[in-house]
Amino acid sequence: MASYSTGKASRTSGLAIAGLVCGIVGLFFLPIVLGPLAVVFGVMALRQTGSAMAKWDIGLGVVDIILMIVMFVVAAHNGGSLTWHVG
């Protein structure tokens, strides 16, 4: 049997995967640490591969950082505590 290849190797960067994981987890836990890490990993992966996943890493990292800033502003206006009252 003959095997055919398209000539392009579709290989995903490990940095892009690490950035994506940091960006997604940073939405829920430790955005102060994982947001900037997602941006750094995304920029490094974008320089290496130029993949769309690297662009998502940067976007998620920026969203993490913005959410962190919003949480700090809300906490500052509530006297230093971040509590949510529903109802």
N, C-alpha and C. Protein backbone atom coordinates (compact mmCIF):
# COMPACT_ATOMS: atom_id res chain seq x y z
N MET A 1 0.83 -1.17 0.00
CA MET A 1 0.00 0.00 0.00
C MET A 1 0.88 1.24 0.00
N ALA A 2 0.46 2.19 -0.74
CA ALA A 2 1.19 3.44 -0.79
C ALA A 2 0.57 4.44 0.18
N SER A 3 1.43 5.20 0.85
CA SER A 3 0.90 6.23 1.74
C SER A 3 1.20 7.59 1.14
N TYR A 4 0.26 8.45 1.23
CA TYR A 4 0.39 9.78 0.65
C TYR A 4 0.43 10.82 1.76
N SER A 5 1.25 11.81 1.58
CA SER A 5 1.28 12.91 2.55
C SER A 5 1.08 14.22 1.81
N THR A 6 0.59 15.20 2.52
CA THR A 6 0.31 16.48 1.89
C THR A 6 1.54 17.37 1.84
N GLY A 7 2.59 16.98 2.50
CA GLY A 7 3.81 17.77 2.47
C GLY A 7 3.93 18.71 3.66
N LYS A 8 2.80 19.04 4.30
CA LYS A 8 2.81 19.90 5.47
C LYS A 8 2.68 19.04 6.71
N ALA A 9 3.52 19.29 7.66
CA ALA A 9 3.40 18.60 8.93
C ALA A 9 2.57 19.48 9.86
N SER A 10 1.44 18.98 10.25
CA SER A 10 0.54 19.72 11.14
C SER A 10 0.95 19.41 12.57
N ARG A 11 1.84 20.21 13.11
CA ARG A 11 2.36 19.96 14.44
C ARG A 11 2.00 21.14 15.34
N THR A 12 1.42 20.85 16.48
CA THR A 12 1.03 21.89 17.42
C THR A 12 2.16 22.13 18.40
N SER A 13 2.43 23.39 18.66
CA SER A 13 3.50 23.76 19.56
C SER A 13 3.12 23.44 21.01
N GLY A 14 4.05 22.93 21.76
CA GLY A 14 3.83 22.69 23.18
C GLY A 14 3.60 23.98 23.95
N LEU A 15 4.24 25.06 23.51
CA LEU A 15 4.03 26.35 24.15
C LEU A 15 2.60 26.84 23.93
N ALA A 16 2.06 26.58 22.75
CA ALA A 16 0.68 26.99 22.46
C ALA A 16 -0.30 26.22 23.34
N ILE A 17 -0.04 24.95 23.54
CA ILE A 17 -0.91 24.15 24.40
C ILE A 17 -0.80 24.61 25.84
N ALA A 18 0.42 24.87 26.30
CA ALA A 18 0.61 25.36 27.67
C ALA A 18 -0.07 26.71 27.87
N GLY A 19 0.01 27.59 26.88
CA GLY A 19 -0.64 28.89 26.98
C GLY A 19 -2.15 28.76 27.01
N LEU A 20 -2.69 27.84 26.22
CA LEU A 20 -4.13 27.63 26.20
C LEU A 20 -4.62 27.10 27.53
N VAL A 21 -3.89 26.17 28.10
CA VAL A 21 -4.27 25.64 29.42
C VAL A 21 -4.20 26.74 30.47
N CYS A 22 -3.13 27.54 30.46
CA CYS A 22 -3.00 28.64 31.42
C CYS A 22 -4.13 29.65 31.24
N GLY A 23 -4.49 29.96 30.02
CA GLY A 23 -5.55 30.92 29.76
C GLY A 23 -6.91 30.44 30.23
N ILE A 24 -7.22 29.18 29.99
CA ILE A 24 -8.52 28.64 30.39
C ILE A 24 -8.60 28.48 31.90
N VAL A 25 -7.57 27.91 32.50
CA VAL A 25 -7.58 27.73 33.96
C VAL A 25 -7.53 29.08 34.66
N GLY A 26 -6.84 30.05 34.05
CA GLY A 26 -6.75 31.39 34.63
C GLY A 26 -8.08 32.11 34.69
N LEU A 27 -9.06 31.70 33.90
CA LEU A 27 -10.39 32.29 33.99
C LEU A 27 -11.05 31.96 35.32
N PHE A 28 -10.65 30.85 35.94
CA PHE A 28 -11.28 30.39 37.17
C PHE A 28 -10.37 30.49 38.40
N PHE A 29 -9.07 30.27 38.23
CA PHE A 29 -8.14 30.25 39.35
C PHE A 29 -6.90 31.07 39.02
N LEU A 30 -6.41 31.84 39.96
CA LEU A 30 -5.14 32.57 39.87
C LEU A 30 -4.93 33.34 38.57
N PRO A 31 -5.83 34.24 38.22
CA PRO A 31 -5.62 34.99 36.98
C PRO A 31 -4.40 35.91 37.05
N ILE A 32 -3.98 36.27 38.26
CA ILE A 32 -2.82 37.15 38.41
C ILE A 32 -1.53 36.47 37.94
N VAL A 33 -1.50 35.16 38.01
CA VAL A 33 -0.30 34.41 37.60
C VAL A 33 -0.49 33.80 36.21
N LEU A 34 -1.63 33.17 36.00
CA LEU A 34 -1.83 32.41 34.78
C LEU A 34 -2.13 33.29 33.56
N GLY A 35 -2.69 34.47 33.77
CA GLY A 35 -2.95 35.38 32.65
C GLY A 35 -1.68 35.83 31.95
N PRO A 36 -0.74 36.41 32.71
CA PRO A 36 0.53 36.79 32.07
C PRO A 36 1.29 35.60 31.49
N LEU A 37 1.22 34.45 32.14
CA LEU A 37 1.88 33.26 31.59
C LEU A 37 1.28 32.87 30.24
N ALA A 38 -0.04 32.95 30.13
CA ALA A 38 -0.70 32.63 28.86
C ALA A 38 -0.25 33.59 27.77
N VAL A 39 -0.11 34.87 28.11
CA VAL A 39 0.34 35.85 27.11
C VAL A 39 1.77 35.55 26.68
N VAL A 40 2.64 35.26 27.63
CA VAL A 40 4.05 34.98 27.31
C VAL A 40 4.16 33.72 26.45
N PHE A 41 3.47 32.65 26.86
CA PHE A 41 3.51 31.43 26.07
C PHE A 41 2.93 31.65 24.68
N GLY A 42 1.85 32.44 24.59
CA GLY A 42 1.23 32.71 23.31
C GLY A 42 2.15 33.48 22.37
N VAL A 43 2.85 34.48 22.90
CA VAL A 43 3.76 35.26 22.07
C VAL A 43 4.92 34.40 21.58
N MET A 44 5.45 33.56 22.48
CA MET A 44 6.55 32.67 22.07
C MET A 44 6.10 31.67 21.02
N ALA A 45 4.90 31.12 21.18
CA ALA A 45 4.37 30.15 20.20
C ALA A 45 4.04 30.85 18.88
N LEU A 46 3.57 32.10 18.96
CA LEU A 46 3.26 32.84 17.73
C LEU A 46 4.51 33.10 16.92
N ARG A 47 5.61 33.39 17.59
CA ARG A 47 6.88 33.60 16.88
C ARG A 47 7.39 32.31 16.26
N GLN A 48 7.15 31.18 16.93
CA GLN A 48 7.65 29.90 16.41
C GLN A 48 6.79 29.38 15.26
N THR A 49 5.47 29.37 15.48
CA THR A 49 4.60 28.69 14.52
C THR A 49 3.63 29.62 13.80
N GLY A 50 3.22 30.69 14.44
CA GLY A 50 2.22 31.58 13.84
C GLY A 50 0.84 30.96 13.81
N SER A 51 0.56 30.05 14.72
CA SER A 51 -0.70 29.32 14.70
C SER A 51 -1.83 30.14 15.33
N ALA A 52 -3.04 29.74 15.01
CA ALA A 52 -4.22 30.40 15.57
C ALA A 52 -4.34 30.13 17.06
N MET A 53 -3.86 28.97 17.50
CA MET A 53 -3.93 28.65 18.92
C MET A 53 -3.10 29.64 19.73
N ALA A 54 -1.98 30.08 19.20
CA ALA A 54 -1.15 31.06 19.89
C ALA A 54 -1.89 32.38 20.03
N LYS A 55 -2.68 32.75 19.03
CA LYS A 55 -3.47 33.98 19.12
C LYS A 55 -4.56 33.84 20.18
N TRP A 56 -5.14 32.68 20.30
CA TRP A 56 -6.13 32.43 21.34
C TRP A 56 -5.47 32.52 22.72
N ASP A 57 -4.24 32.04 22.84
CA ASP A 57 -3.52 32.13 24.12
C ASP A 57 -3.39 33.57 24.55
N ILE A 58 -2.99 34.42 23.63
CA ILE A 58 -2.80 35.84 23.93
C ILE A 58 -4.14 36.47 24.32
N GLY A 59 -5.17 36.15 23.58
CA GLY A 59 -6.50 36.69 23.88
C GLY A 59 -7.02 36.27 25.24
N LEU A 60 -6.88 34.98 25.56
CA LEU A 60 -7.33 34.50 26.86
C LEU A 60 -6.50 35.10 27.99
N GLY A 61 -5.21 35.26 27.77
CA GLY A 61 -4.36 35.88 28.78
C GLY A 61 -4.76 37.32 29.05
N VAL A 62 -5.10 38.05 28.00
CA VAL A 62 -5.54 39.44 28.16
C VAL A 62 -6.88 39.48 28.91
N VAL A 63 -7.79 38.56 28.60
CA VAL A 63 -9.06 38.50 29.31
C VAL A 63 -8.82 38.19 30.78
N ASP A 64 -7.91 37.28 31.10
CA ASP A 64 -7.56 36.98 32.49
C ASP A 64 -7.06 38.23 33.21
N ILE A 65 -6.20 38.98 32.57
CA ILE A 65 -5.63 40.18 33.18
C ILE A 65 -6.73 41.22 33.41
N ILE A 66 -7.63 41.39 32.44
CA ILE A 66 -8.72 42.35 32.59
C ILE A 66 -9.65 41.93 33.72
N LEU A 67 -9.98 40.64 33.82
CA LEU A 67 -10.81 40.16 34.92
C LEU A 67 -10.14 40.39 36.27
N MET A 68 -8.83 40.22 36.32
CA MET A 68 -8.10 40.44 37.56
C MET A 68 -8.20 41.91 37.97
N ILE A 69 -8.04 42.81 37.01
CA ILE A 69 -8.12 44.24 37.31
C ILE A 69 -9.52 44.61 37.78
N VAL A 70 -10.54 44.06 37.13
CA VAL A 70 -11.92 44.33 37.54
C VAL A 70 -12.16 43.82 38.96
N MET A 71 -11.66 42.64 39.29
CA MET A 71 -11.82 42.11 40.65
C MET A 71 -11.12 43.00 41.67
N PHE A 72 -9.94 43.52 41.36
CA PHE A 72 -9.24 44.42 42.27
C PHE A 72 -10.02 45.72 42.47
N VAL A 73 -10.59 46.26 41.40
CA VAL A 73 -11.36 47.51 41.51
C VAL A 73 -12.61 47.28 42.36
N VAL A 74 -13.31 46.18 42.12
CA VAL A 74 -14.50 45.87 42.91
C VAL A 74 -14.14 45.68 44.37
N ALA A 75 -13.06 44.99 44.64
CA ALA A 75 -12.63 44.79 46.02
C ALA A 75 -12.22 46.10 46.68
N ALA A 76 -11.61 47.00 45.94
CA ALA A 76 -11.21 48.29 46.50
C ALA A 76 -12.43 49.13 46.86
N HIS A 77 -13.48 49.04 46.06
CA HIS A 77 -14.70 49.81 46.34
C HIS A 77 -15.55 49.18 47.43
N ASN A 78 -15.29 47.94 47.77
CA ASN A 78 -16.04 47.26 48.84
C ASN A 78 -15.27 47.22 50.14
N GLY A 79 -14.31 48.08 50.30
CA GLY A 79 -13.54 48.11 51.54
C GLY A 79 -12.52 47.00 51.66
N GLY A 80 -12.11 46.46 50.57
CA GLY A 80 -11.05 45.45 50.57
C GLY A 80 -11.55 44.02 50.53
N SER A 81 -12.86 43.82 50.50
CA SER A 81 -13.35 42.44 50.41
C SER A 81 -14.10 42.25 49.11
N LEU A 82 -14.02 41.05 48.61
CA LEU A 82 -14.68 40.72 47.34
C LEU A 82 -15.77 39.70 47.66
N THR A 83 -16.99 40.18 47.89
CA THR A 83 -18.11 39.29 48.17
C THR A 83 -19.23 39.58 47.19
N TRP A 84 -19.96 38.57 46.86
CA TRP A 84 -21.06 38.71 45.91
C TRP A 84 -22.37 38.41 46.64
N HIS A 85 -23.33 39.29 46.50
CA HIS A 85 -24.65 39.10 47.09
C HIS A 85 -25.65 38.89 45.98
N VAL A 86 -26.30 37.74 46.00
CA VAL A 86 -27.26 37.42 44.97
C VAL A 86 -28.66 37.47 45.59
N GLY A 87 -29.56 38.18 44.93
CA GLY A 87 -30.94 38.23 45.38
C GLY A 87 -31.23 39.41 46.14
